Amino acid sequence: MDRKKELLGLTGNMQQLAYVRPVTYEEGRARGMKAYDVKNGPLRFAVMADKCLDIAEVSFLGHNISFLSKPGLMGRCHYDTNGDEALRSIMGGLLFTCGLENICAPCSLDGRDYPMHGRIRTTPAEHVSADACWLGEDYAVSVSGEMREAELFGENLVLRRKITTRYGDNTICIEDEIANEGFLAEPMMLLYHMNIGYPLLCETSEIILPTKKVIPRDETAAPHAGGWSRMEAPKDYEPEYVFLHEMAADKDGNTFAAVINRGLDLGIKIEYNVNELPYFMQWKSIASGDYVIGLEPANSSVYGRTYHVKAQDLHRIEPLSAEKKRIVLAFLTGRQLDEVKQEAEALQNERRS
């Protein structure tokens, strides 16, 4: 019996198993924020229509996967791109998108201000659509739309995003196209801030990266570089550590980052391509109340715009051209936890040979 016929015979409506539903939050800082609630069997997540179609709360097999910062869920605020104000407005989530003029620390250059992690993460989506339908034998759920970062007499960059998940396949596929609809080459910085929280993240969790070299960002992180792959118990007032990784990849540039928890028999794997996103940063915070691992593929360094301007290698996108990025989030259980460790070792060994 084919899969479609079998599932339709077992259900009165496929929304019993998988759906996408528009929702609007009605309280607190999130009041009025529009999102899409997506269910795919044991996988459930929220896509923020009003914040770059980023992915907020995520659970798998009933366990929380993502990190939610102390400010909690919140809608867009016009002041949250002012300097360090991002610290009061970044809600975390499994993914928030950083860019497109700047990533990481805020800076001022030539009389212009570039906010922390950029402006795209606060940009509401336009032309939003959601669908759940049969594609051959697969039941696919998707959300898509576009975000524009533009200024009068300035840049005109458009991020088109499509997020897809298929019933029976515990993955989320994020497909982005960034287009320059202006007539000058423009800087385009992009970082995918993936944030893992409790209970998937705990002191027995393992961070798995096929890393070739680990570089601490600063003197604070340097003494802790040897412990990048493990998570300690929460510690009061502990500063954050950030590490830059040179990632091993296969011959086509494919690589990944993962976090696994053997106690819960769960994990998450973030698959991407180093040809599209050549930088990778790891954010580690064991601070009480700010307990999180951030896994961050990017096209630019954690040192931000000032670093690349000084090095004269700021990434630019040509006028009337576009770039594509693809990231797959795979949710793991059972023997997949061992397989992801073996895959990391194989990539590292392949690059050594």
Protein backbone atom coordinates (compact mmCIF):
# COMPACT_ATOMS: atom_id res chain seq x y z
CA MET A 1 0.00 0.00 0.00
CA ASP A 2 1.36 3.44 -0.88
CA ARG A 3 2.04 5.89 1.92
CA LYS A 4 -0.64 8.44 1.01
CA LYS A 5 -3.37 5.81 0.83
CA GLU A 6 -2.25 4.26 4.10
CA LEU A 7 -2.27 7.56 6.02
CA LEU A 8 -5.61 8.68 4.60
CA GLY A 9 -7.06 5.35 5.63
CA LEU A 10 -5.87 5.86 9.20
CA THR A 11 -6.98 9.49 9.65
CA GLY A 12 -10.13 11.47 9.14
CA ASN A 13 -8.09 14.59 8.41
CA MET A 14 -4.32 14.97 8.00
CA GLN A 15 -4.41 17.83 10.52
CA GLN A 16 -4.61 15.03 13.06
CA LEU A 17 -0.92 14.47 12.29
CA ALA A 18 0.46 17.64 10.72
CA TYR A 19 -0.70 21.22 10.22
CA VAL A 20 0.19 24.90 10.00
CA ARG A 21 -2.12 27.39 11.73
CA PRO A 22 -1.91 31.18 11.99
CA VAL A 23 -1.87 32.48 15.55
CA THR A 24 -1.74 35.89 17.22
CA TYR A 25 -0.30 36.33 20.70
CA GLU A 26 -2.56 38.18 23.10
CA GLU A 27 -0.56 39.11 26.20
CA GLY A 28 2.56 40.78 27.48
CA ARG A 29 5.31 41.99 25.16
CA ALA A 30 4.15 39.54 22.51
CA ARG A 31 0.67 41.07 22.27
CA GLY A 32 -0.38 41.38 18.64
CA MET A 33 2.57 39.40 17.25
CA LYS A 34 1.57 37.11 14.40
CA ALA A 35 3.08 33.67 13.96
CA TYR A 36 2.43 30.22 12.55
CA ASP A 37 2.08 27.16 14.76
CA VAL A 38 3.46 24.12 12.93
CA LYS A 39 2.96 20.50 13.96
CA ASN A 40 4.66 17.57 12.26
CA GLY A 41 3.99 14.44 14.30
CA PRO A 42 6.35 14.60 17.32
CA LEU A 43 7.90 17.87 16.08
CA ARG A 44 6.28 21.22 16.85
CA PHE A 45 7.54 24.75 16.29
CA ALA A 46 6.48 28.37 15.85
CA VAL A 47 7.45 30.59 12.91
CA MET A 48 7.40 34.33 13.70
CA ALA A 49 5.65 36.11 10.83
CA ASP A 50 6.36 39.48 12.45
CA LYS A 51 10.06 38.76 13.07
CA CYS A 52 11.84 37.59 9.91
CA LEU A 53 10.04 34.22 9.79
CA ASP A 54 12.45 33.12 12.49
CA ILE A 55 11.78 29.93 14.43
CA ALA A 56 10.94 30.45 18.10
CA GLU A 57 9.67 27.70 20.40
CA VAL A 58 10.56 24.16 19.29
CA SER A 59 9.76 20.83 20.91
CA PHE A 60 10.44 17.25 19.83
CA LEU A 61 8.88 14.15 21.39
CA GLY A 62 7.44 16.42 24.06
CA HIS A 63 10.77 17.93 25.13
CA ASN A 64 11.80 21.56 24.68
CA ILE A 65 14.76 22.06 22.32
CA SER A 66 15.10 25.85 22.06
CA PHE A 67 16.29 28.65 24.33
CA LEU A 68 14.02 31.48 25.52
CA SER A 69 15.83 34.49 26.96
CA LYS A 70 14.67 36.27 30.12
CA PRO A 71 12.68 39.00 28.28
CA GLY A 72 10.53 36.21 26.76
CA LEU A 73 8.41 36.28 23.63
CA MET A 74 7.95 39.76 22.22
CA GLY A 75 6.85 41.49 19.07
CA ARG A 76 8.75 44.07 17.09
CA CYS A 77 9.79 47.30 18.78
CA HIS A 78 11.19 50.24 16.81
CA TYR A 79 13.79 50.84 19.52
CA ASP A 80 15.24 47.32 19.66
CA THR A 81 17.81 48.07 16.98
CA ASN A 82 19.34 50.96 18.95
CA GLY A 83 22.85 49.98 20.03
CA ASP A 84 22.84 47.47 22.88
CA GLU A 85 19.06 47.57 23.18
CA ALA A 86 19.13 44.17 21.47
CA LEU A 87 20.01 42.65 24.85
CA ARG A 88 16.51 43.60 26.01
CA SER A 89 14.74 42.49 22.85
CA ILE A 90 16.43 39.29 21.68
CA MET A 91 14.05 36.55 22.77
CA GLY A 92 16.31 33.75 21.58
CA GLY A 93 14.29 30.99 20.00
CA LEU A 94 15.80 28.16 18.01
CA LEU A 95 16.75 30.64 15.27
CA PHE A 96 17.06 34.36 14.98
CA THR A 97 18.61 35.76 11.82
CA CYS A 98 21.40 38.33 12.12
CA GLY A 99 22.24 40.85 9.39
CA LEU A 100 22.09 42.19 6.79
CA GLU A 101 24.36 45.22 7.29
CA ASN A 102 25.97 43.99 10.50
CA ILE A 103 26.26 40.97 12.77
CA CYS A 104 27.41 40.72 16.39
CA ALA A 105 28.57 43.85 18.26
CA PRO A 106 27.05 47.26 17.44
CA CYS A 107 29.35 49.79 15.80
CA SER A 108 29.50 53.23 14.24
CA LEU A 109 31.38 53.79 10.99
CA ASP A 110 31.54 56.96 8.89
CA GLY A 111 28.76 58.55 10.88
CA ARG A 112 26.38 55.58 10.53
CA ASP A 113 25.15 53.31 13.32
CA TYR A 114 24.97 49.56 12.85
CA PRO A 115 22.92 47.88 15.61
CA MET A 116 23.80 44.69 17.43
CA HIS A 117 23.06 41.70 15.17
CA GLY A 118 21.55 43.99 12.58
CA ARG A 119 17.98 44.92 11.69
CA ILE A 120 16.69 41.95 9.72
CA ARG A 121 15.76 39.96 12.85
CA THR A 122 13.08 42.54 13.72
CA THR A 123 11.68 42.90 10.21
CA PRO A 124 8.10 41.67 9.65
CA ALA A 125 7.51 39.37 6.70
CA GLU A 126 5.48 40.35 3.64
CA HIS A 127 3.81 38.16 1.03
CA VAL A 128 3.49 35.50 3.70
CA SER A 129 1.88 32.22 2.76
CA ALA A 130 1.40 28.89 4.52
CA ASP A 131 0.39 25.55 3.10
CA ALA A 132 -0.05 21.91 4.03
CA CYS A 133 -0.64 19.52 1.15
CA TRP A 134 0.34 16.27 -0.54
CA LEU A 135 3.37 16.41 -2.80
CA GLY A 136 3.31 13.00 -4.36
CA GLU A 137 3.55 10.54 -1.46
CA ASP A 138 4.78 13.23 0.99
CA TYR A 139 2.58 15.44 3.15
CA ALA A 140 4.47 18.76 3.28
CA VAL A 141 3.91 21.76 5.56
CA SER A 142 5.49 25.08 4.58
CA VAL A 143 5.65 28.77 5.48
CA SER A 144 7.19 31.37 3.17
CA GLY A 145 7.56 35.12 2.80
CA GLU A 146 10.01 37.95 2.30
CA MET A 147 11.72 40.58 4.43
CA ARG A 148 13.11 43.82 3.02
CA GLU A 149 16.00 45.83 4.48
CA ALA A 150 16.03 49.14 2.69
CA GLU A 151 16.71 52.85 3.08
CA LEU A 152 15.90 55.92 1.00
CA PHE A 153 19.06 56.57 -1.04
CA GLY A 154 20.55 53.45 0.55
CA GLU A 155 20.46 49.66 0.29
CA ASN A 156 17.57 47.59 -1.05
CA LEU A 157 18.10 43.99 0.09
CA VAL A 158 15.39 41.34 0.13
CA LEU A 159 15.49 38.07 2.05
CA ARG A 160 13.06 35.49 0.70
CA ARG A 161 12.58 32.52 3.01
CA LYS A 162 10.79 29.19 2.79
CA ILE A 163 10.53 26.80 5.73
CA THR A 164 9.39 23.24 5.00
CA THR A 165 8.80 20.08 7.02
CA ARG A 166 7.38 16.74 5.84
CA TYR A 167 5.33 14.29 7.84
CA GLY A 168 7.36 11.29 8.97
CA ASP A 169 10.64 13.15 8.47
CA ASN A 170 11.83 14.90 11.62
CA THR A 171 13.54 17.78 9.84
CA ILE A 172 12.99 21.48 9.15
CA CYS A 173 14.46 22.83 5.91
CA ILE A 174 15.22 26.56 5.70
CA GLU A 175 15.81 27.88 2.18
CA ASP A 176 16.84 31.53 1.85
CA GLU A 177 17.50 33.75 -1.12
CA ILE A 178 19.08 37.15 -0.48
CA ALA A 179 18.69 39.53 -3.42
CA ASN A 180 20.17 42.96 -4.03
CA GLU A 181 17.40 44.89 -5.76
CA GLY A 182 19.49 48.05 -5.83
CA PHE A 183 22.02 49.35 -8.33
CA LEU A 184 25.20 49.35 -6.22
CA ALA A 185 27.14 46.49 -4.72
CA GLU A 186 26.08 46.29 -1.07
CA PRO A 187 27.65 44.73 2.03
CA MET A 188 25.68 41.65 3.06
CA MET A 189 26.46 40.01 6.39
CA LEU A 190 24.46 36.99 7.51
CA LEU A 191 24.55 34.82 10.62
CA TYR A 192 22.10 32.08 11.62
CA HIS A 193 21.90 32.24 15.42
CA MET A 194 20.73 28.73 16.47
CA ASN A 195 20.05 28.53 20.20
CA ILE A 196 19.72 25.32 22.22
CA GLY A 197 18.26 25.33 25.74
CA TYR A 198 17.18 23.12 28.64
CA PRO A 199 16.25 20.27 28.90
CA LEU A 200 18.02 19.17 25.71
CA LEU A 201 20.92 21.24 26.99
CA CYS A 202 22.21 20.20 30.42
CA GLU A 203 25.51 19.33 32.09
CA THR A 204 25.54 15.86 30.50
CA SER A 205 24.88 17.12 26.96
CA GLU A 206 27.54 16.82 24.26
CA ILE A 207 28.32 19.47 21.64
CA ILE A 208 29.50 17.74 18.47
CA LEU A 209 31.40 19.67 15.81
CA PRO A 210 33.77 18.32 13.13
CA THR A 211 36.16 21.10 14.05
CA LYS A 212 39.72 21.39 12.78
CA LYS A 213 40.71 24.32 14.97
CA VAL A 214 39.18 26.15 17.93
CA ILE A 215 39.95 29.85 18.41
CA PRO A 216 38.69 31.67 21.53
CA ARG A 217 37.23 35.08 20.73
CA ASP A 218 38.93 36.88 23.61
CA GLU A 219 40.81 36.52 26.89
CA THR A 220 37.61 35.61 28.73
CA ALA A 221 37.03 32.60 26.50
CA ALA A 222 40.67 31.50 26.18
CA PRO A 223 40.95 29.49 29.44
CA HIS A 224 37.79 27.57 28.53
CA ALA A 225 38.60 26.59 24.95
CA GLY A 226 39.37 23.01 25.98
CA GLY A 227 35.83 22.58 27.29
CA TRP A 228 33.97 23.72 24.21
CA SER A 229 32.35 20.30 23.67
CA ARG A 230 30.73 19.93 27.09
CA MET A 231 28.25 21.84 29.19
CA GLU A 232 28.73 22.48 32.89
CA ALA A 233 26.04 23.04 35.51
CA PRO A 234 24.73 26.63 35.75
CA LYS A 235 27.07 29.02 37.56
CA ASP A 236 26.04 32.40 38.95
CA TYR A 237 27.38 35.47 37.13
CA GLU A 238 29.60 33.49 34.78
CA PRO A 239 30.55 35.46 31.63
CA GLU A 240 29.79 34.14 28.15
CA TYR A 241 32.43 32.33 26.08
CA VAL A 242 32.60 32.52 22.30
CA PHE A 243 34.74 30.25 20.13
CA LEU A 244 35.45 30.40 16.40
CA HIS A 245 35.73 27.01 14.69
CA GLU A 246 37.36 25.99 11.43
CA MET A 247 34.98 23.26 10.33
CA ALA A 248 35.83 20.12 8.39
CA ALA A 249 33.48 19.39 5.49
CA ASP A 250 33.03 16.81 2.75
CA LYS A 251 34.23 17.34 -0.82
CA ASP A 252 31.06 19.29 -1.62
CA GLY A 253 31.38 21.56 1.41
CA ASN A 254 28.67 19.93 3.53
CA THR A 255 29.14 19.93 7.29
CA PHE A 256 27.09 20.19 10.48
CA ALA A 257 26.89 21.03 14.17
CA ALA A 258 24.99 19.00 16.76
CA VAL A 259 23.94 18.76 20.39
CA ILE A 260 22.92 15.41 21.87
CA ASN A 261 21.51 14.37 25.23
CA ARG A 262 21.77 10.64 25.90
CA GLY A 263 19.67 10.88 29.04
CA LEU A 264 16.70 12.11 27.01
CA ASP A 265 17.76 10.08 23.94
CA LEU A 266 17.43 13.26 21.88
CA GLY A 267 19.56 15.51 19.73
CA ILE A 268 19.57 18.23 17.10
CA LYS A 269 21.80 18.41 14.03
CA ILE A 270 22.29 21.62 12.02
CA GLU A 271 23.39 20.86 8.46
CA TYR A 272 24.83 23.56 6.21
CA ASN A 273 27.46 24.19 3.52
CA VAL A 274 30.75 25.97 4.14
CA ASN A 275 30.80 27.32 0.58
CA GLU A 276 27.67 29.31 1.44
CA LEU A 277 28.56 30.01 5.08
CA PRO A 278 32.34 29.81 5.59
CA TYR A 279 32.41 31.01 9.23
CA PHE A 280 31.18 29.14 12.29
CA MET A 281 30.92 30.47 15.84
CA GLN A 282 29.91 28.79 19.08
CA TRP A 283 28.34 30.83 21.87
CA LYS A 284 28.47 29.15 25.26
CA SER A 285 26.82 30.57 28.37
CA ILE A 286 26.62 28.57 31.60
CA ALA A 287 25.41 31.62 33.54
CA SER A 288 22.45 30.90 35.80
CA GLY A 289 19.32 32.10 34.00
CA ASP A 290 21.20 32.54 30.72
CA TYR A 291 21.98 28.86 30.11
CA VAL A 292 22.41 28.34 26.37
CA ILE A 293 24.55 27.07 23.53
CA GLY A 294 24.44 29.05 20.29
CA LEU A 295 25.62 27.35 17.09
CA GLU A 296 26.14 29.95 14.39
CA PRO A 297 27.00 29.34 10.72
CA ALA A 298 27.69 32.65 9.01
CA ASN A 299 29.20 34.37 5.99
CA SER A 300 31.15 36.77 8.23
CA SER A 301 33.16 36.72 11.46
CA VAL A 302 31.92 37.21 15.00
CA TYR A 303 34.21 40.28 15.14
CA GLY A 304 31.63 42.08 13.02
CA ARG A 305 31.60 44.82 10.45
CA THR A 306 34.53 46.87 11.80
CA TYR A 307 36.80 43.81 11.57
CA HIS A 308 35.93 43.14 7.93
CA VAL A 309 36.14 46.82 6.95
CA LYS A 310 39.63 47.00 8.42
CA ALA A 311 40.63 43.75 6.68
CA GLN A 312 39.08 45.03 3.43
CA ASP A 313 37.18 41.77 2.94
CA LEU A 314 33.62 42.82 3.78
CA HIS A 315 31.32 40.47 1.88
CA ARG A 316 29.30 42.26 -0.82
CA ILE A 317 26.45 41.28 -3.08
CA GLU A 318 26.42 42.68 -6.59
CA PRO A 319 23.52 44.78 -7.90
CA LEU A 320 20.52 42.85 -9.23
CA SER A 321 22.04 39.55 -8.12
CA ALA A 322 21.14 36.98 -5.47
CA GLU A 323 22.68 34.37 -3.18
CA LYS A 324 21.05 31.21 -1.85
CA LYS A 325 21.54 29.53 1.52
CA ARG A 326 20.15 26.24 2.79
CA ILE A 327 20.10 24.87 6.32
CA VAL A 328 18.47 21.64 7.49
CA LEU A 329 17.60 21.05 11.14
CA ALA A 330 17.38 17.32 11.88
CA PHE A 331 15.95 16.09 15.19
CA LEU A 332 17.64 12.92 16.38
CA THR A 333 16.87 9.94 18.57
CA GLY A 334 18.05 6.36 19.10
CA ARG A 335 21.02 5.19 17.10
CA GLN A 336 21.17 8.55 15.30
CA LEU A 337 23.00 9.90 18.36
CA ASP A 338 25.89 7.51 17.75
CA GLU A 339 25.78 8.05 14.00
CA VAL A 340 26.20 11.83 14.32
CA LYS A 341 29.36 11.36 16.43
CA GLN A 342 30.72 8.90 13.88
CA GLU A 343 29.97 11.33 11.07
CA ALA A 344 31.91 14.11 12.81
CA GLU A 345 34.91 11.82 13.34
CA ALA A 346 34.79 10.72 9.69
CA LEU A 347 34.86 14.32 8.46
CA GLN A 348 37.79 15.16 10.72
CA ASN A 349 39.72 12.06 9.67
CA GLU A 350 39.00 12.72 5.98
CA ARG A 351 40.59 16.17 6.24
CA ARG A 352 43.64 14.84 8.05
CA SER A 353 44.37 12.21 5.39
